[in-house]
Amino acid sequence: MRITRLTLDAIKGREEFLSIFTEYTIEVLDKAAFYPKLLKHRIYEAHGAWISDLKRVGEHEKNLKEGLDHFKQCGHLAFWLRRTTPIGELMDLAFVDPEIPLSREAQELRSLLKGYHNEYLAFDFAYQICKYYEVRHLHKSSQRARTLVLSPDYYQTVCHFMKYKNVSPHALHLIYKSIFYYNGIDPPTLSVDDLVL
């Protein structure tokens, strides 16, 4: 699936949302030799809740001249995709055909998806949209976004967080924004003497 400058606007249409999210899901799961059982009614639920949130938030934030940014839209999108759990189950293609060759990365992804497929797909779908905007769609492209690759450990942590903790759309908005705007400089090390006045 290729994300373009039209994707975020396109998925605001109900059927486009179903089509694009389905295509994305099948493509990602195929890398790990899985095939999804998608629950169409839950995809529609996620879409409806997301659109409702965008309208509500847009109406309450009167100072927005250009509407909600991609981070805020994607925070709400990931929240509702995770909450509605649109993937009912995974069909294991490697079980059906044990001869399917799996790289180390594919095996790591399989392991993560077995416990967190809805969380992973919700987070990564919105993350990929954010990354597109940061690399290609903004007036000034983010150098960090061009080379950014999230580690398997990061995905594991965020998926666990999304599954077992109360994670609001606002928290996801901040997570996406911080991924792209962290400056890479470690905070200075402070001693106890630095903290005592």
N, C-alpha and C. Protein backbone atom coordinates (compact mmCIF):
# COMPACT_ATOMS: atom_id res chain seq x y z
N MET A 1 0.85 -1.18 0.00
CA MET A 1 0.00 0.00 0.00
C MET A 1 0.89 1.24 0.00
N ARG A 2 0.57 2.15 -0.83
CA ARG A 2 1.34 3.38 -0.93
C ARG A 2 0.54 4.53 -0.34
N ILE A 3 1.13 5.20 0.62
CA ILE A 3 0.49 6.38 1.22
C ILE A 3 0.87 7.58 0.38
N THR A 4 -0.11 8.42 0.10
CA THR A 4 0.12 9.63 -0.70
C THR A 4 -0.45 10.83 0.04
N ARG A 5 -0.32 11.99 -0.59
CA ARG A 5 -0.87 13.21 0.02
C ARG A 5 -2.39 13.17 0.10
N LEU A 6 -3.00 12.24 -0.62
CA LEU A 6 -4.46 12.13 -0.62
C LEU A 6 -5.00 11.15 0.42
N THR A 7 -4.13 10.30 0.98
CA THR A 7 -4.59 9.22 1.86
C THR A 7 -5.37 9.70 3.06
N LEU A 8 -4.84 10.67 3.79
CA LEU A 8 -5.52 11.11 5.01
C LEU A 8 -6.90 11.69 4.71
N ASP A 9 -7.02 12.43 3.63
CA ASP A 9 -8.34 12.94 3.24
C ASP A 9 -9.22 11.84 2.68
N ALA A 10 -8.63 10.92 1.91
CA ALA A 10 -9.41 9.85 1.28
C ALA A 10 -10.07 8.95 2.31
N ILE A 11 -9.34 8.63 3.40
CA ILE A 11 -9.91 7.70 4.37
C ILE A 11 -11.02 8.33 5.22
N LYS A 12 -11.29 9.58 4.99
CA LYS A 12 -12.45 10.19 5.67
C LYS A 12 -13.75 9.70 5.04
N GLY A 13 -13.66 9.12 3.84
CA GLY A 13 -14.80 8.46 3.22
C GLY A 13 -14.89 7.03 3.76
N ARG A 14 -16.08 6.60 4.09
CA ARG A 14 -16.28 5.30 4.75
C ARG A 14 -15.73 4.13 3.94
N GLU A 15 -16.10 4.05 2.67
CA GLU A 15 -15.67 2.92 1.84
C GLU A 15 -14.18 3.00 1.52
N GLU A 16 -13.65 4.21 1.35
CA GLU A 16 -12.21 4.37 1.12
C GLU A 16 -11.43 3.92 2.35
N PHE A 17 -11.95 4.24 3.52
CA PHE A 17 -11.32 3.81 4.76
C PHE A 17 -11.25 2.28 4.82
N LEU A 18 -12.36 1.63 4.53
CA LEU A 18 -12.40 0.17 4.53
C LEU A 18 -11.40 -0.39 3.54
N SER A 19 -11.37 0.14 2.35
CA SER A 19 -10.49 -0.35 1.30
C SER A 19 -9.01 -0.15 1.63
N ILE A 20 -8.66 1.05 2.05
CA ILE A 20 -7.25 1.37 2.31
C ILE A 20 -6.75 0.64 3.56
N PHE A 21 -7.55 0.60 4.62
CA PHE A 21 -7.11 -0.11 5.82
C PHE A 21 -7.00 -1.62 5.57
N THR A 22 -7.91 -2.16 4.79
CA THR A 22 -7.86 -3.59 4.43
C THR A 22 -6.61 -3.89 3.63
N GLU A 23 -6.32 -3.07 2.64
CA GLU A 23 -5.12 -3.27 1.82
C GLU A 23 -3.86 -3.19 2.68
N TYR A 24 -3.79 -2.20 3.54
CA TYR A 24 -2.65 -2.05 4.44
C TYR A 24 -2.49 -3.29 5.33
N THR A 25 -3.58 -3.72 5.94
CA THR A 25 -3.56 -4.85 6.86
C THR A 25 -3.07 -6.12 6.18
N ILE A 26 -3.60 -6.41 5.02
CA ILE A 26 -3.20 -7.62 4.28
C ILE A 26 -1.71 -7.55 3.92
N GLU A 27 -1.26 -6.39 3.49
CA GLU A 27 0.15 -6.23 3.10
C GLU A 27 1.09 -6.43 4.29
N VAL A 28 0.78 -5.84 5.42
CA VAL A 28 1.63 -5.97 6.60
C VAL A 28 1.63 -7.40 7.12
N LEU A 29 0.47 -7.99 7.24
CA LEU A 29 0.39 -9.35 7.78
C LEU A 29 1.03 -10.37 6.86
N ASP A 30 0.99 -10.12 5.57
CA ASP A 30 1.63 -11.03 4.61
C ASP A 30 3.13 -11.14 4.86
N LYS A 31 3.75 -10.05 5.29
CA LYS A 31 5.19 -10.06 5.59
C LYS A 31 5.52 -11.06 6.69
N ALA A 32 4.55 -11.35 7.54
CA ALA A 32 4.74 -12.29 8.65
C ALA A 32 4.01 -13.61 8.42
N ALA A 33 3.58 -13.85 7.20
CA ALA A 33 2.87 -15.09 6.82
C ALA A 33 1.57 -15.28 7.60
N PHE A 34 0.82 -14.19 7.74
CA PHE A 34 -0.51 -14.23 8.32
C PHE A 34 -1.51 -13.66 7.32
N TYR A 35 -2.77 -14.04 7.48
CA TYR A 35 -3.85 -13.44 6.71
C TYR A 35 -4.96 -13.09 7.70
N PRO A 36 -5.53 -11.88 7.60
CA PRO A 36 -6.50 -11.44 8.62
C PRO A 36 -7.93 -11.88 8.35
N LYS A 37 -8.66 -12.10 9.43
CA LYS A 37 -10.11 -12.16 9.34
C LYS A 37 -10.58 -10.79 9.80
N LEU A 38 -10.90 -9.94 8.83
CA LEU A 38 -11.31 -8.57 9.14
C LEU A 38 -12.79 -8.53 9.49
N LEU A 39 -13.12 -7.74 10.48
CA LEU A 39 -14.50 -7.56 10.91
C LEU A 39 -14.99 -6.22 10.37
N LYS A 40 -15.67 -6.27 9.24
CA LYS A 40 -16.09 -5.07 8.52
C LYS A 40 -16.87 -4.10 9.40
N HIS A 41 -17.79 -4.63 10.19
CA HIS A 41 -18.60 -3.75 11.03
C HIS A 41 -17.74 -2.99 12.04
N ARG A 42 -16.65 -3.59 12.51
CA ARG A 42 -15.78 -2.90 13.45
C ARG A 42 -14.90 -1.86 12.74
N ILE A 43 -14.54 -2.13 11.51
CA ILE A 43 -13.80 -1.12 10.74
C ILE A 43 -14.69 0.10 10.53
N TYR A 44 -15.96 -0.15 10.21
CA TYR A 44 -16.91 0.97 10.07
C TYR A 44 -17.11 1.70 11.40
N GLU A 45 -17.14 0.94 12.50
CA GLU A 45 -17.26 1.55 13.83
C GLU A 45 -16.08 2.48 14.10
N ALA A 46 -14.88 1.99 13.82
CA ALA A 46 -13.67 2.79 14.04
C ALA A 46 -13.73 4.06 13.21
N HIS A 47 -14.13 3.90 11.95
CA HIS A 47 -14.22 5.05 11.06
C HIS A 47 -15.22 6.08 11.59
N GLY A 48 -16.40 5.62 11.96
CA GLY A 48 -17.45 6.54 12.45
C GLY A 48 -17.02 7.28 13.70
N ALA A 49 -16.40 6.56 14.63
CA ALA A 49 -15.94 7.19 15.87
C ALA A 49 -14.83 8.19 15.58
N TRP A 50 -13.91 7.85 14.66
CA TRP A 50 -12.81 8.74 14.30
C TRP A 50 -13.35 10.03 13.68
N ILE A 51 -14.25 9.91 12.72
CA ILE A 51 -14.82 11.09 12.07
C ILE A 51 -15.57 11.95 13.08
N SER A 52 -16.31 11.32 13.97
CA SER A 52 -17.04 12.05 15.01
C SER A 52 -16.07 12.82 15.91
N ASP A 53 -14.97 12.17 16.29
CA ASP A 53 -13.95 12.84 17.11
C ASP A 53 -13.34 14.04 16.39
N LEU A 54 -13.01 13.86 15.11
CA LEU A 54 -12.40 14.96 14.36
C LEU A 54 -13.33 16.17 14.32
N LYS A 55 -14.62 15.93 14.12
CA LYS A 55 -15.59 17.04 14.10
C LYS A 55 -15.69 17.70 15.46
N ARG A 56 -15.82 16.87 16.51
CA ARG A 56 -15.98 17.40 17.87
C ARG A 56 -14.76 18.21 18.29
N VAL A 57 -13.56 17.65 18.07
CA VAL A 57 -12.33 18.34 18.47
C VAL A 57 -12.16 19.61 17.66
N GLY A 58 -12.45 19.54 16.37
CA GLY A 58 -12.34 20.71 15.51
C GLY A 58 -13.25 21.85 15.93
N GLU A 59 -14.43 21.51 16.42
CA GLU A 59 -15.39 22.52 16.87
C GLU A 59 -14.95 23.17 18.18
N HIS A 60 -14.25 22.40 19.04
CA HIS A 60 -13.85 22.91 20.36
C HIS A 60 -12.52 23.64 20.32
N GLU A 61 -11.75 23.46 19.30
CA GLU A 61 -10.46 24.14 19.19
C GLU A 61 -10.57 25.24 18.15
N LYS A 62 -11.13 26.35 18.57
CA LYS A 62 -11.47 27.45 17.67
C LYS A 62 -10.25 28.16 17.09
N ASN A 63 -9.09 28.05 17.72
CA ASN A 63 -7.91 28.76 17.25
C ASN A 63 -7.19 28.07 16.10
N LEU A 64 -7.71 26.94 15.65
CA LEU A 64 -7.08 26.23 14.54
C LEU A 64 -7.49 26.87 13.22
N LYS A 65 -6.53 27.46 12.52
CA LYS A 65 -6.85 28.10 11.25
C LYS A 65 -6.83 27.10 10.09
N GLU A 66 -5.98 26.08 10.21
CA GLU A 66 -5.84 25.11 9.12
C GLU A 66 -6.37 23.73 9.51
N GLY A 67 -7.18 23.65 10.53
CA GLY A 67 -7.73 22.36 10.96
C GLY A 67 -6.75 21.58 11.80
N LEU A 68 -7.12 20.34 12.10
CA LEU A 68 -6.30 19.48 12.93
C LEU A 68 -5.10 18.99 12.14
N ASP A 69 -3.93 19.02 12.76
CA ASP A 69 -2.73 18.54 12.05
C ASP A 69 -2.75 17.01 11.94
N HIS A 70 -1.82 16.48 11.18
CA HIS A 70 -1.78 15.04 10.94
C HIS A 70 -1.50 14.25 12.21
N PHE A 71 -0.76 14.81 13.15
CA PHE A 71 -0.50 14.10 14.41
C PHE A 71 -1.79 13.91 15.21
N LYS A 72 -2.57 14.98 15.30
CA LYS A 72 -3.82 14.90 16.06
C LYS A 72 -4.80 13.95 15.38
N GLN A 73 -4.93 14.07 14.06
CA GLN A 73 -5.84 13.18 13.34
C GLN A 73 -5.41 11.72 13.50
N CYS A 74 -4.12 11.47 13.42
CA CYS A 74 -3.61 10.10 13.53
C CYS A 74 -3.68 9.57 14.95
N GLY A 75 -3.55 10.43 15.94
CA GLY A 75 -3.73 9.99 17.32
C GLY A 75 -5.13 9.46 17.55
N HIS A 76 -6.12 10.17 17.05
CA HIS A 76 -7.51 9.73 17.16
C HIS A 76 -7.76 8.48 16.32
N LEU A 77 -7.15 8.42 15.14
CA LEU A 77 -7.30 7.26 14.26
C LEU A 77 -6.76 6.00 14.93
N ALA A 78 -5.55 6.05 15.45
CA ALA A 78 -4.95 4.88 16.11
C ALA A 78 -5.77 4.46 17.33
N PHE A 79 -6.26 5.44 18.08
CA PHE A 79 -7.06 5.15 19.26
C PHE A 79 -8.28 4.31 18.89
N TRP A 80 -9.03 4.74 17.88
CA TRP A 80 -10.27 4.04 17.52
C TRP A 80 -10.01 2.72 16.83
N LEU A 81 -8.96 2.63 16.04
CA LEU A 81 -8.65 1.33 15.43
C LEU A 81 -8.27 0.31 16.51
N ARG A 82 -7.53 0.74 17.50
CA ARG A 82 -7.17 -0.18 18.58
C ARG A 82 -8.38 -0.53 19.42
N ARG A 83 -9.18 0.43 19.70
CA ARG A 83 -10.32 0.21 20.60
C ARG A 83 -11.39 -0.70 20.00
N THR A 84 -11.60 -0.60 18.70
CA THR A 84 -12.66 -1.40 18.07
C THR A 84 -12.19 -2.79 17.64
N THR A 85 -10.93 -3.08 17.72
CA THR A 85 -10.33 -4.38 17.37
C THR A 85 -10.90 -4.98 16.08
N PRO A 86 -10.54 -4.37 14.93
CA PRO A 86 -11.13 -4.80 13.67
C PRO A 86 -10.60 -6.11 13.09
N ILE A 87 -9.52 -6.66 13.65
CA ILE A 87 -9.02 -7.93 13.17
C ILE A 87 -9.44 -9.00 14.18
N GLY A 88 -10.36 -9.85 13.75
CA GLY A 88 -10.91 -10.86 14.65
C GLY A 88 -9.93 -11.97 14.96
N GLU A 89 -9.20 -12.40 13.95
CA GLU A 89 -8.20 -13.45 14.16
C GLU A 89 -7.23 -13.47 12.99
N LEU A 90 -6.14 -14.19 13.17
CA LEU A 90 -5.13 -14.32 12.14
C LEU A 90 -5.10 -15.76 11.64
N MET A 91 -5.07 -15.92 10.33
CA MET A 91 -4.86 -17.24 9.75
C MET A 91 -3.36 -17.39 9.53
N ASP A 92 -2.79 -18.45 10.07
CA ASP A 92 -1.35 -18.67 10.01
C ASP A 92 -0.98 -19.38 8.71
N LEU A 93 -0.45 -18.63 7.75
CA LEU A 93 -0.07 -19.19 6.45
C LEU A 93 1.13 -20.12 6.56
N ALA A 94 1.99 -19.88 7.54
CA ALA A 94 3.15 -20.75 7.74
C ALA A 94 2.73 -22.11 8.28
N PHE A 95 1.62 -22.16 8.99
CA PHE A 95 1.09 -23.44 9.47
C PHE A 95 0.50 -24.22 8.31
N VAL A 96 -0.21 -23.49 7.43
CA VAL A 96 -0.82 -24.11 6.25
C VAL A 96 0.27 -24.62 5.31
N ASP A 97 1.32 -23.82 5.13
CA ASP A 97 2.43 -24.19 4.26
C ASP A 97 3.74 -24.00 5.01
N PRO A 98 4.22 -25.04 5.70
CA PRO A 98 5.43 -24.91 6.52
C PRO A 98 6.70 -24.61 5.72
N GLU A 99 6.62 -24.68 4.41
CA GLU A 99 7.78 -24.43 3.56
C GLU A 99 7.99 -22.93 3.28
N ILE A 100 7.10 -22.08 3.76
CA ILE A 100 7.25 -20.64 3.54
C ILE A 100 8.52 -20.17 4.25
N PRO A 101 9.46 -19.58 3.49
CA PRO A 101 10.69 -19.10 4.13
C PRO A 101 10.42 -17.82 4.92
N LEU A 102 10.90 -17.77 6.15
CA LEU A 102 10.69 -16.59 7.00
C LEU A 102 12.03 -16.06 7.47
N SER A 103 12.28 -14.80 7.18
CA SER A 103 13.50 -14.15 7.64
C SER A 103 13.42 -13.93 9.15
N ARG A 104 14.52 -13.53 9.75
CA ARG A 104 14.54 -13.22 11.18
C ARG A 104 13.56 -12.10 11.50
N GLU A 105 13.53 -11.07 10.63
CA GLU A 105 12.61 -9.94 10.85
C GLU A 105 11.15 -10.41 10.78
N ALA A 106 10.85 -11.30 9.84
CA ALA A 106 9.49 -11.83 9.71
C ALA A 106 9.10 -12.64 10.94
N GLN A 107 10.03 -13.39 11.47
CA GLN A 107 9.76 -14.18 12.67
C GLN A 107 9.53 -13.27 13.88
N GLU A 108 10.30 -12.19 13.98
CA GLU A 108 10.10 -11.23 15.07
C GLU A 108 8.73 -10.56 14.96
N LEU A 109 8.37 -10.19 13.72
CA LEU A 109 7.07 -9.57 13.50
C LEU A 109 5.95 -10.55 13.83
N ARG A 110 6.09 -11.80 13.43
CA ARG A 110 5.09 -12.84 13.75
C ARG A 110 4.89 -12.94 15.26
N SER A 111 5.98 -12.96 15.98
CA SER A 111 5.92 -13.08 17.44
C SER A 111 5.15 -11.91 18.04
N LEU A 112 5.43 -10.71 17.57
CA LEU A 112 4.73 -9.52 18.07
C LEU A 112 3.25 -9.55 17.69
N LEU A 113 2.95 -9.90 16.45
CA LEU A 113 1.57 -9.89 15.98
C LEU A 113 0.69 -10.93 16.68
N LYS A 114 1.29 -12.03 17.11
CA LYS A 114 0.49 -13.06 17.79
C LYS A 114 -0.19 -12.50 19.03
N GLY A 115 0.46 -11.60 19.72
CA GLY A 115 -0.13 -11.03 20.94
C GLY A 115 -0.73 -9.66 20.78
N TYR A 116 -0.35 -8.96 19.71
CA TYR A 116 -0.72 -7.54 19.61
C TYR A 116 -1.12 -7.13 18.18
N HIS A 117 -1.78 -7.97 17.43
CA HIS A 117 -2.04 -7.61 16.03
C HIS A 117 -2.90 -6.35 15.89
N ASN A 118 -3.94 -6.21 16.68
CA ASN A 118 -4.77 -5.00 16.55
C ASN A 118 -4.02 -3.74 16.99
N GLU A 119 -3.25 -3.86 18.04
CA GLU A 119 -2.48 -2.71 18.52
C GLU A 119 -1.41 -2.31 17.51
N TYR A 120 -0.70 -3.30 17.01
CA TYR A 120 0.36 -3.02 16.05
C TYR A 120 -0.21 -2.34 14.80
N LEU A 121 -1.26 -2.90 14.25
CA LEU A 121 -1.82 -2.36 13.01
C LEU A 121 -2.40 -0.96 13.22
N ALA A 122 -3.04 -0.73 14.36
CA ALA A 122 -3.58 0.60 14.64
C ALA A 122 -2.45 1.62 14.74
N PHE A 123 -1.43 1.28 15.53
CA PHE A 123 -0.33 2.22 15.73
C PHE A 123 0.44 2.45 14.44
N ASP A 124 0.79 1.38 13.75
CA ASP A 124 1.65 1.51 12.57
C ASP A 124 0.93 2.18 11.40
N PHE A 125 -0.35 1.91 11.21
CA PHE A 125 -1.10 2.54 10.13
C PHE A 125 -1.04 4.06 10.28
N ALA A 126 -1.34 4.55 11.47
CA ALA A 126 -1.31 5.99 11.72
C ALA A 126 0.12 6.53 11.68
N TYR A 127 1.08 5.75 12.18
CA TYR A 127 2.48 6.16 12.13
C TYR A 127 2.95 6.35 10.69
N GLN A 128 2.59 5.44 9.81
CA GLN A 128 3.00 5.54 8.41
C GLN A 128 2.42 6.80 7.75
N ILE A 129 1.21 7.16 8.11
CA ILE A 129 0.61 8.39 7.59
C ILE A 129 1.39 9.60 8.11
N CYS A 130 1.69 9.61 9.41
CA CYS A 130 2.48 10.71 9.99
C CYS A 130 3.83 10.82 9.29
N LYS A 131 4.47 9.70 9.07
CA LYS A 131 5.80 9.70 8.45
C LYS A 131 5.73 10.28 7.04
N TYR A 132 4.70 9.90 6.29
CA TYR A 132 4.54 10.47 4.95
C TYR A 132 4.47 12.00 5.03
N TYR A 133 3.64 12.50 5.91
CA TYR A 133 3.48 13.96 6.03
C TYR A 133 4.79 14.63 6.43
N GLU A 134 5.52 14.02 7.34
CA GLU A 134 6.77 14.62 7.79
C GLU A 134 7.86 14.58 6.72
N VAL A 135 7.85 13.57 5.87
CA VAL A 135 8.89 13.44 4.84
C VAL A 135 8.53 14.20 3.57
N ARG A 136 7.28 14.12 3.15
CA ARG A 136 6.94 14.60 1.81
C ARG A 136 5.93 15.73 1.71
N HIS A 137 5.05 15.85 2.66
CA HIS A 137 3.92 16.74 2.46
C HIS A 137 4.08 18.12 3.07
N LEU A 138 4.95 18.25 4.03
CA LEU A 138 5.11 19.55 4.68
C LEU A 138 5.99 20.47 3.85
N HIS A 139 5.89 21.77 4.09
CA HIS A 139 6.71 22.74 3.35
C HIS A 139 8.19 22.49 3.59
N LYS A 140 8.54 22.16 4.82
CA LYS A 140 9.93 21.87 5.14
C LYS A 140 10.00 20.42 5.62
N SER A 141 10.62 19.57 4.83
CA SER A 141 10.72 18.16 5.14
C SER A 141 11.57 17.91 6.38
N SER A 142 11.17 16.95 7.18
CA SER A 142 11.91 16.60 8.39
C SER A 142 13.04 15.63 8.05
N GLN A 143 14.26 16.05 8.34
CA GLN A 143 15.42 15.19 8.09
C GLN A 143 15.34 13.95 8.97
N ARG A 144 14.92 14.13 10.20
CA ARG A 144 14.78 12.99 11.11
C ARG A 144 13.81 11.96 10.55
N ALA A 145 12.69 12.40 10.01
CA ALA A 145 11.68 11.48 9.49
C ALA A 145 12.21 10.66 8.32
N ARG A 146 13.09 11.23 7.52
CA ARG A 146 13.63 10.52 6.35
C ARG A 146 14.36 9.24 6.73
N THR A 147 15.04 9.26 7.85
CA THR A 147 15.87 8.11 8.24
C THR A 147 15.31 7.34 9.43
N LEU A 148 14.18 7.76 9.95
CA LEU A 148 13.62 7.17 11.15
C LEU A 148 13.11 5.76 10.91
N VAL A 149 13.57 4.83 11.72
CA VAL A 149 13.07 3.45 11.72
C VAL A 149 12.86 3.07 13.18
N LEU A 150 11.63 2.76 13.52
CA LEU A 150 11.33 2.39 14.90
C LEU A 150 11.82 0.97 15.16
N SER A 151 12.40 0.75 16.31
CA SER A 151 12.96 -0.56 16.65
C SER A 151 11.86 -1.56 17.03
N PRO A 152 12.14 -2.85 16.90
CA PRO A 152 11.17 -3.85 17.36
C PRO A 152 10.82 -3.67 18.84
N ASP A 153 11.80 -3.27 19.64
CA ASP A 153 11.55 -3.04 21.06
C ASP A 153 10.56 -1.89 21.26
N TYR A 154 10.69 -0.84 20.45
CA TYR A 154 9.76 0.29 20.56
C TYR A 154 8.34 -0.18 20.24
N TYR A 155 8.20 -0.94 19.13
CA TYR A 155 6.87 -1.46 18.77
C TYR A 155 6.31 -2.35 19.88
N GLN A 156 7.14 -3.19 20.45
CA GLN A 156 6.72 -4.08 21.55
C GLN A 156 6.19 -3.25 22.71
N THR A 157 6.94 -2.22 23.07
CA THR A 157 6.56 -1.38 24.21
C THR A 157 5.25 -0.63 23.93
N VAL A 158 5.16 -0.02 22.77
CA VAL A 158 3.95 0.77 22.47
C VAL A 158 2.73 -0.14 22.32
N CYS A 159 2.91 -1.33 21.77
CA CYS A 159 1.78 -2.26 21.64
C CYS A 159 1.30 -2.73 23.02
N HIS A 160 2.23 -3.04 23.89
CA HIS A 160 1.88 -3.45 25.25
C HIS A 160 1.14 -2.31 25.97
N PHE A 161 1.68 -1.13 25.83
CA PHE A 161 1.09 0.08 26.41
C PHE A 161 -0.35 0.27 25.91
N MET A 162 -0.55 0.14 24.59
CA MET A 162 -1.88 0.35 24.02
C MET A 162 -2.87 -0.74 24.42
N LYS A 163 -2.37 -1.96 24.64
CA LYS A 163 -3.27 -3.06 24.98
C LYS A 163 -3.70 -3.04 26.45
N TYR A 164 -2.77 -2.71 27.34
CA TYR A 164 -3.04 -2.88 28.76
C TYR A 164 -3.20 -1.59 29.56
N LYS A 165 -2.96 -0.45 28.96
CA LYS A 165 -3.09 0.83 29.67
C LYS A 165 -4.19 1.67 29.03
N ASN A 166 -4.67 2.65 29.76
CA ASN A 166 -5.63 3.60 29.20
C ASN A 166 -4.86 4.65 28.42
N VAL A 167 -4.91 4.55 27.11
CA VAL A 167 -4.16 5.45 26.24
C VAL A 167 -5.17 6.29 25.46
N SER A 168 -5.18 7.57 25.73
CA SER A 168 -6.14 8.46 25.07
C SER A 168 -5.67 8.85 23.67
N PRO A 169 -6.57 9.36 22.86
CA PRO A 169 -6.17 9.90 21.56
C PRO A 169 -5.14 11.03 21.71
N HIS A 170 -5.27 11.79 22.81
CA HIS A 170 -4.35 12.90 23.05
C HIS A 170 -2.95 12.38 23.36
N ALA A 171 -2.88 11.28 24.11
CA ALA A 171 -1.57 10.68 24.39
C ALA A 171 -0.94 10.16 23.11
N LEU A 172 -1.74 9.54 22.24
CA LEU A 172 -1.20 9.04 20.97
C LEU A 172 -0.74 10.19 20.09
N HIS A 173 -1.48 11.29 20.10
CA HIS A 173 -1.07 12.48 19.37
C HIS A 173 0.32 12.92 19.82
N LEU A 174 0.53 12.97 21.13
CA LEU A 174 1.84 13.37 21.66
C LEU A 174 2.92 12.34 21.36
N ILE A 175 2.57 11.06 21.37
CA ILE A 175 3.55 10.02 21.03
C ILE A 175 4.02 10.21 19.59
N TYR A 176 3.09 10.38 18.67
CA TYR A 176 3.48 10.57 17.26
C TYR A 176 4.34 11.83 17.10
N LYS A 177 3.91 12.90 17.73
CA LYS A 177 4.67 14.15 17.60
C LYS A 177 6.06 14.01 18.20
N SER A 178 6.17 13.35 19.34
CA SER A 178 7.48 13.21 19.97
C SER A 178 8.41 12.29 19.19
N ILE A 179 7.86 11.32 18.49
CA ILE A 179 8.70 10.45 17.65
C ILE A 179 9.45 11.28 16.62
N PHE A 180 8.75 12.22 16.02
CA PHE A 180 9.34 12.99 14.93
C PHE A 180 10.07 14.25 15.39
N TYR A 181 9.80 14.71 16.60
CA TYR A 181 10.43 15.94 17.04
C TYR A 181 11.43 15.79 18.17
N TYR A 182 11.70 14.57 18.59
CA TYR A 182 12.76 14.33 19.57
C TYR A 182 14.07 14.71 18.90
N ASN A 183 14.91 15.49 19.56
CA ASN A 183 16.11 16.02 18.90
C ASN A 183 17.31 15.10 18.97
N GLY A 184 17.19 13.95 19.61
CA GLY A 184 18.29 12.99 19.63
C GLY A 184 19.37 13.29 20.64
N ILE A 185 19.25 14.37 21.38
CA ILE A 185 20.27 14.73 22.35
C ILE A 185 19.81 14.24 23.72
N ASP A 186 20.65 13.47 24.37
CA ASP A 186 20.30 12.98 25.70
C ASP A 186 20.27 14.15 26.68
N PRO A 187 19.35 14.11 27.63
CA PRO A 187 19.31 15.19 28.62
C PRO A 187 20.59 15.17 29.45
N PRO A 188 20.98 16.31 29.97
CA PRO A 188 22.22 16.34 30.76
C PRO A 188 22.04 15.50 32.03
N THR A 189 23.12 14.91 32.46
CA THR A 189 23.13 14.14 33.69
C THR A 189 23.26 15.11 34.86
N LEU A 190 22.35 14.97 35.80
CA LEU A 190 22.37 15.85 36.96
C LEU A 190 22.80 15.07 38.19
N SER A 191 23.54 15.74 39.03
CA SER A 191 23.92 15.14 40.32
C SER A 191 22.97 15.67 41.38
N VAL A 192 23.05 15.11 42.55
CA VAL A 192 22.21 15.58 43.66
C VAL A 192 22.54 17.03 43.97
N ASP A 193 23.82 17.43 43.85
CA ASP A 193 24.22 18.81 44.12
C ASP A 193 23.53 19.80 43.17
N ASP A 194 23.26 19.35 41.95
CA ASP A 194 22.59 20.23 40.97
C ASP A 194 21.14 20.48 41.36
N LEU A 195 20.56 19.56 42.11
CA LEU A 195 19.15 19.66 42.46
C LEU A 195 18.90 20.39 43.77
N VAL A 196 19.94 20.53 44.60
CA VAL A 196 19.80 21.18 45.90
C VAL A 196 20.05 22.68 45.73
N LEU A 197 19.13 23.48 46.25
CA LEU A 197 19.27 24.93 46.15
C LEU A 197 20.01 25.50 47.30
